[in-house]
Amino acid sequence: MIDARDNMAGAVNEQGALLHSLAESLRIALGELTLSLADIGQRQSVSRTTLAREPWRVPGFGASCDASSRPWRCYASTYAAWMAIPENKRRTDWDLLPVRERRKVRATARAV
């Protein structure tokens, strides 16, 4: 550990590196957390019925998940990446899906 009395810039850089290391560890740990549909509904303050009616609120429109399929769960990092996409873009993508694909998505989501 660098003594701040001797080298202030070095001590600040050392603390910055430690903070970066801790932040990276936290990011990795959060990437392993999973969310259910109920968790996503709570985060968005909507019911599961609303999530079923508005599939653009759920990663992969609710058809695919990356943590487990039964029960449906996705990683928190996947959810964060999905929410980083503007809602109007996600909704437009949903609206542009062919009807056949929408039916497949809804059937998969209903099975969960």
C-alpha atoms as a PDB file:
ATOM      1  CA  MET A   1       0.000   0.000   0.000  1.00  0.00           C
ATOM      2  CA  ILE A   2       1.339   3.406  -0.985  1.00  0.00           C
ATOM      3  CA  ASP A   3       1.523   6.024   1.761  1.00  0.00           C
ATOM      4  CA  ALA A   4      -0.528   9.069   0.689  1.00  0.00           C
ATOM      5  CA  ARG A   5       1.848  11.359   2.619  1.00  0.00           C
ATOM      6  CA  ASP A   6       4.727  10.332   0.366  1.00  0.00           C
ATOM      7  CA  ASN A   7       2.986   9.946  -2.963  1.00  0.00           C
ATOM      8  CA  MET A   8      -0.593  11.282  -3.229  1.00  0.00           C
ATOM      9  CA  ALA A   9      -0.990  10.526  -6.953  1.00  0.00           C
ATOM     10  CA  GLY A  10       0.260   6.977  -6.468  1.00  0.00           C
ATOM     11  CA  ALA A  11      -2.119   6.399  -3.565  1.00  0.00           C
ATOM     12  CA  VAL A  12      -5.064   7.725  -5.599  1.00  0.00           C
ATOM     13  CA  ASN A  13      -4.130   5.496  -8.547  1.00  0.00           C
ATOM     14  CA  GLU A  14      -3.810   2.486  -6.253  1.00  0.00           C
ATOM     15  CA  GLN A  15      -7.263   3.125  -4.764  1.00  0.00           C
ATOM     16  CA  GLY A  16      -8.693   3.598  -8.262  1.00  0.00           C
ATOM     17  CA  ALA A  17      -7.260   0.242  -9.338  1.00  0.00           C
ATOM     18  CA  LEU A  18      -8.723  -1.421  -6.234  1.00  0.00           C
ATOM     19  CA  LEU A  19     -12.128   0.140  -6.931  1.00  0.00           C
ATOM     20  CA  HIS A  20     -11.976  -1.038 -10.554  1.00  0.00           C
ATOM     21  CA  SER A  21     -11.109  -4.556  -9.397  1.00  0.00           C
ATOM     22  CA  LEU A  22     -14.003  -4.606  -6.938  1.00  0.00           C
ATOM     23  CA  ALA A  23     -16.400  -3.245  -9.559  1.00  0.00           C
ATOM     24  CA  GLU A  24     -15.328  -5.948 -12.005  1.00  0.00           C
ATOM     25  CA  SER A  25     -15.860  -8.638  -9.353  1.00  0.00           C
ATOM     26  CA  LEU A  26     -19.314  -7.259  -8.644  1.00  0.00           C
ATOM     27  CA  ARG A  27     -20.157  -7.206 -12.363  1.00  0.00           C
ATOM     28  CA  ILE A  28     -19.174 -10.853 -12.678  1.00  0.00           C
ATOM     29  CA  ALA A  29     -21.218 -11.783  -9.612  1.00  0.00           C
ATOM     30  CA  LEU A  30     -24.275  -9.885 -10.846  1.00  0.00           C
ATOM     31  CA  GLY A  31     -24.009 -11.620 -14.177  1.00  0.00           C
ATOM     32  CA  GLU A  32     -24.694 -14.866 -12.369  1.00  0.00           C
ATOM     33  CA  LEU A  33     -27.894 -13.647 -10.685  1.00  0.00           C
ATOM     34  CA  THR A  34     -31.062 -14.793 -12.382  1.00  0.00           C
ATOM     35  CA  LEU A  35     -34.478 -13.174 -12.701  1.00  0.00           C
ATOM     36  CA  SER A  36     -37.869 -14.825 -13.071  1.00  0.00           C
ATOM     37  CA  LEU A  37     -40.858 -13.304 -14.830  1.00  0.00           C
ATOM     38  CA  ALA A  38     -42.187 -12.243 -11.423  1.00  0.00           C
ATOM     39  CA  ASP A  39     -38.893 -10.451 -10.683  1.00  0.00           C
ATOM     40  CA  ILE A  40     -39.016  -8.658 -14.025  1.00  0.00           C
ATOM     41  CA  GLY A  41     -42.624  -7.656 -13.383  1.00  0.00           C
ATOM     42  CA  GLN A  42     -41.654  -6.223  -9.987  1.00  0.00           C
ATOM     43  CA  ARG A  43     -38.764  -4.263 -11.502  1.00  0.00           C
ATOM     44  CA  GLN A  44     -41.109  -2.736 -14.079  1.00  0.00           C
ATOM     45  CA  SER A  45     -44.093  -2.431 -11.703  1.00  0.00           C
ATOM     46  CA  VAL A  46     -46.362  -4.498 -13.949  1.00  0.00           C
ATOM     47  CA  SER A  47     -48.182  -7.816 -13.610  1.00  0.00           C
ATOM     48  CA  ARG A  48     -47.325 -11.073 -15.362  1.00  0.00           C
ATOM     49  CA  THR A  49     -50.446 -10.549 -17.467  1.00  0.00           C
ATOM     50  CA  THR A  50     -48.966  -7.294 -18.752  1.00  0.00           C
ATOM     51  CA  LEU A  51     -45.683  -9.066 -19.498  1.00  0.00           C
ATOM     52  CA  ALA A  52     -47.597 -11.663 -21.516  1.00  0.00           C
ATOM     53  CA  ARG A  53     -49.538  -8.943 -23.347  1.00  0.00           C
ATOM     54  CA  GLU A  54     -46.422  -6.818 -23.993  1.00  0.00           C
ATOM     55  CA  PRO A  55     -43.616  -9.290 -24.739  1.00  0.00           C
ATOM     56  CA  TRP A  56     -41.123  -6.550 -25.674  1.00  0.00           C
ATOM     57  CA  ARG A  57     -40.669  -6.010 -21.908  1.00  0.00           C
ATOM     58  CA  VAL A  58     -39.000  -9.441 -21.495  1.00  0.00           C
ATOM     59  CA  PRO A  59     -35.626 -10.514 -22.948  1.00  0.00           C
ATOM     60  CA  GLY A  60     -36.068 -12.432 -26.188  1.00  0.00           C
ATOM     61  CA  PHE A  61     -39.781 -11.540 -26.081  1.00  0.00           C
ATOM     62  CA  GLY A  62     -40.203 -14.231 -23.438  1.00  0.00           C
ATOM     63  CA  ALA A  63     -39.522 -17.135 -25.770  1.00  0.00           C
ATOM     64  CA  SER A  64     -35.871 -17.675 -24.964  1.00  0.00           C
ATOM     65  CA  CYS A  65     -34.007 -17.596 -21.723  1.00  0.00           C
ATOM     66  CA  ASP A  66     -30.383 -18.182 -20.951  1.00  0.00           C
ATOM     67  CA  ALA A  67     -30.434 -19.374 -17.338  1.00  0.00           C
ATOM     68  CA  SER A  68     -33.152 -22.057 -17.393  1.00  0.00           C
ATOM     69  CA  SER A  69     -36.310 -22.855 -19.275  1.00  0.00           C
ATOM     70  CA  ARG A  70     -38.292 -24.487 -16.473  1.00  0.00           C
ATOM     71  CA  PRO A  71     -38.940 -22.325 -14.546  1.00  0.00           C
ATOM     72  CA  TRP A  72     -38.201 -19.476 -16.931  1.00  0.00           C
ATOM     73  CA  ARG A  73     -35.182 -17.481 -15.742  1.00  0.00           C
ATOM     74  CA  CYS A  74     -32.705 -15.135 -17.396  1.00  0.00           C
ATOM     75  CA  TYR A  75     -29.426 -13.676 -16.194  1.00  0.00           C
ATOM     76  CA  ALA A  76     -29.509 -10.169 -14.732  1.00  0.00           C
ATOM     77  CA  SER A  77     -26.869  -9.099 -17.253  1.00  0.00           C
ATOM     78  CA  THR A  78     -29.088 -10.305 -20.121  1.00  0.00           C
ATOM     79  CA  TYR A  79     -32.008  -8.356 -18.676  1.00  0.00           C
ATOM     80  CA  ALA A  80     -29.845  -5.232 -18.305  1.00  0.00           C
ATOM     81  CA  ALA A  81     -28.666  -5.508 -21.912  1.00  0.00           C
ATOM     82  CA  TRP A  82     -32.270  -5.954 -23.077  1.00  0.00           C
ATOM     83  CA  MET A  83     -33.438  -2.914 -21.105  1.00  0.00           C
ATOM     84  CA  ALA A  84     -30.561  -0.863 -22.543  1.00  0.00           C
ATOM     85  CA  ILE A  85     -32.335  -1.108 -25.903  1.00  0.00           C
ATOM     86  CA  PRO A  86     -34.926   1.697 -26.082  1.00  0.00           C
ATOM     87  CA  GLU A  87     -38.468   0.452 -25.518  1.00  0.00           C
ATOM     88  CA  ASN A  88     -39.754   1.866 -28.802  1.00  0.00           C
ATOM     89  CA  LYS A  89     -37.024  -0.082 -30.684  1.00  0.00           C
ATOM     90  CA  ARG A  90     -37.960  -3.322 -28.871  1.00  0.00           C
ATOM     91  CA  ARG A  91     -41.635  -2.721 -29.617  1.00  0.00           C
ATOM     92  CA  THR A  92     -40.895  -1.964 -33.262  1.00  0.00           C
ATOM     93  CA  ASP A  93     -38.888  -5.200 -33.502  1.00  0.00           C
ATOM     94  CA  TRP A  94     -41.881  -7.067 -32.057  1.00  0.00           C
ATOM     95  CA  ASP A  95     -44.266  -5.380 -34.483  1.00  0.00           C
ATOM     96  CA  LEU A  96     -42.007  -6.271 -37.424  1.00  0.00           C
ATOM     97  CA  LEU A  97     -41.904  -9.969 -36.521  1.00  0.00           C
ATOM     98  CA  PRO A  98     -43.944 -12.056 -38.954  1.00  0.00           C
ATOM     99  CA  VAL A  99     -47.211 -13.368 -37.519  1.00  0.00           C
ATOM    100  CA  ARG A 100     -45.932 -16.945 -37.674  1.00  0.00           C
ATOM    101  CA  GLU A 101     -42.899 -16.032 -35.523  1.00  0.00           C
ATOM    102  CA  ARG A 102     -45.087 -14.154 -33.042  1.00  0.00           C
ATOM    103  CA  ARG A 103     -47.293 -17.227 -32.652  1.00  0.00           C
ATOM    104  CA  LYS A 104     -44.224 -19.390 -31.956  1.00  0.00           C
ATOM    105  CA  VAL A 105     -42.991 -16.916 -29.357  1.00  0.00           C
ATOM    106  CA  ARG A 106     -46.355 -16.690 -27.641  1.00  0.00           C
ATOM    107  CA  ALA A 107     -46.761 -20.506 -27.635  1.00  0.00           C
ATOM    108  CA  THR A 108     -43.318 -20.935 -26.082  1.00  0.00           C
ATOM    109  CA  ALA A 109     -43.982 -18.211 -23.516  1.00  0.00           C
ATOM    110  CA  ARG A 110     -47.386 -19.734 -22.615  1.00  0.00           C
ATOM    111  CA  ALA A 111     -45.818 -23.142 -22.024  1.00  0.00           C
ATOM    112  CA  VAL A 112     -43.747 -21.560 -19.274  1.00  0.00           C
END
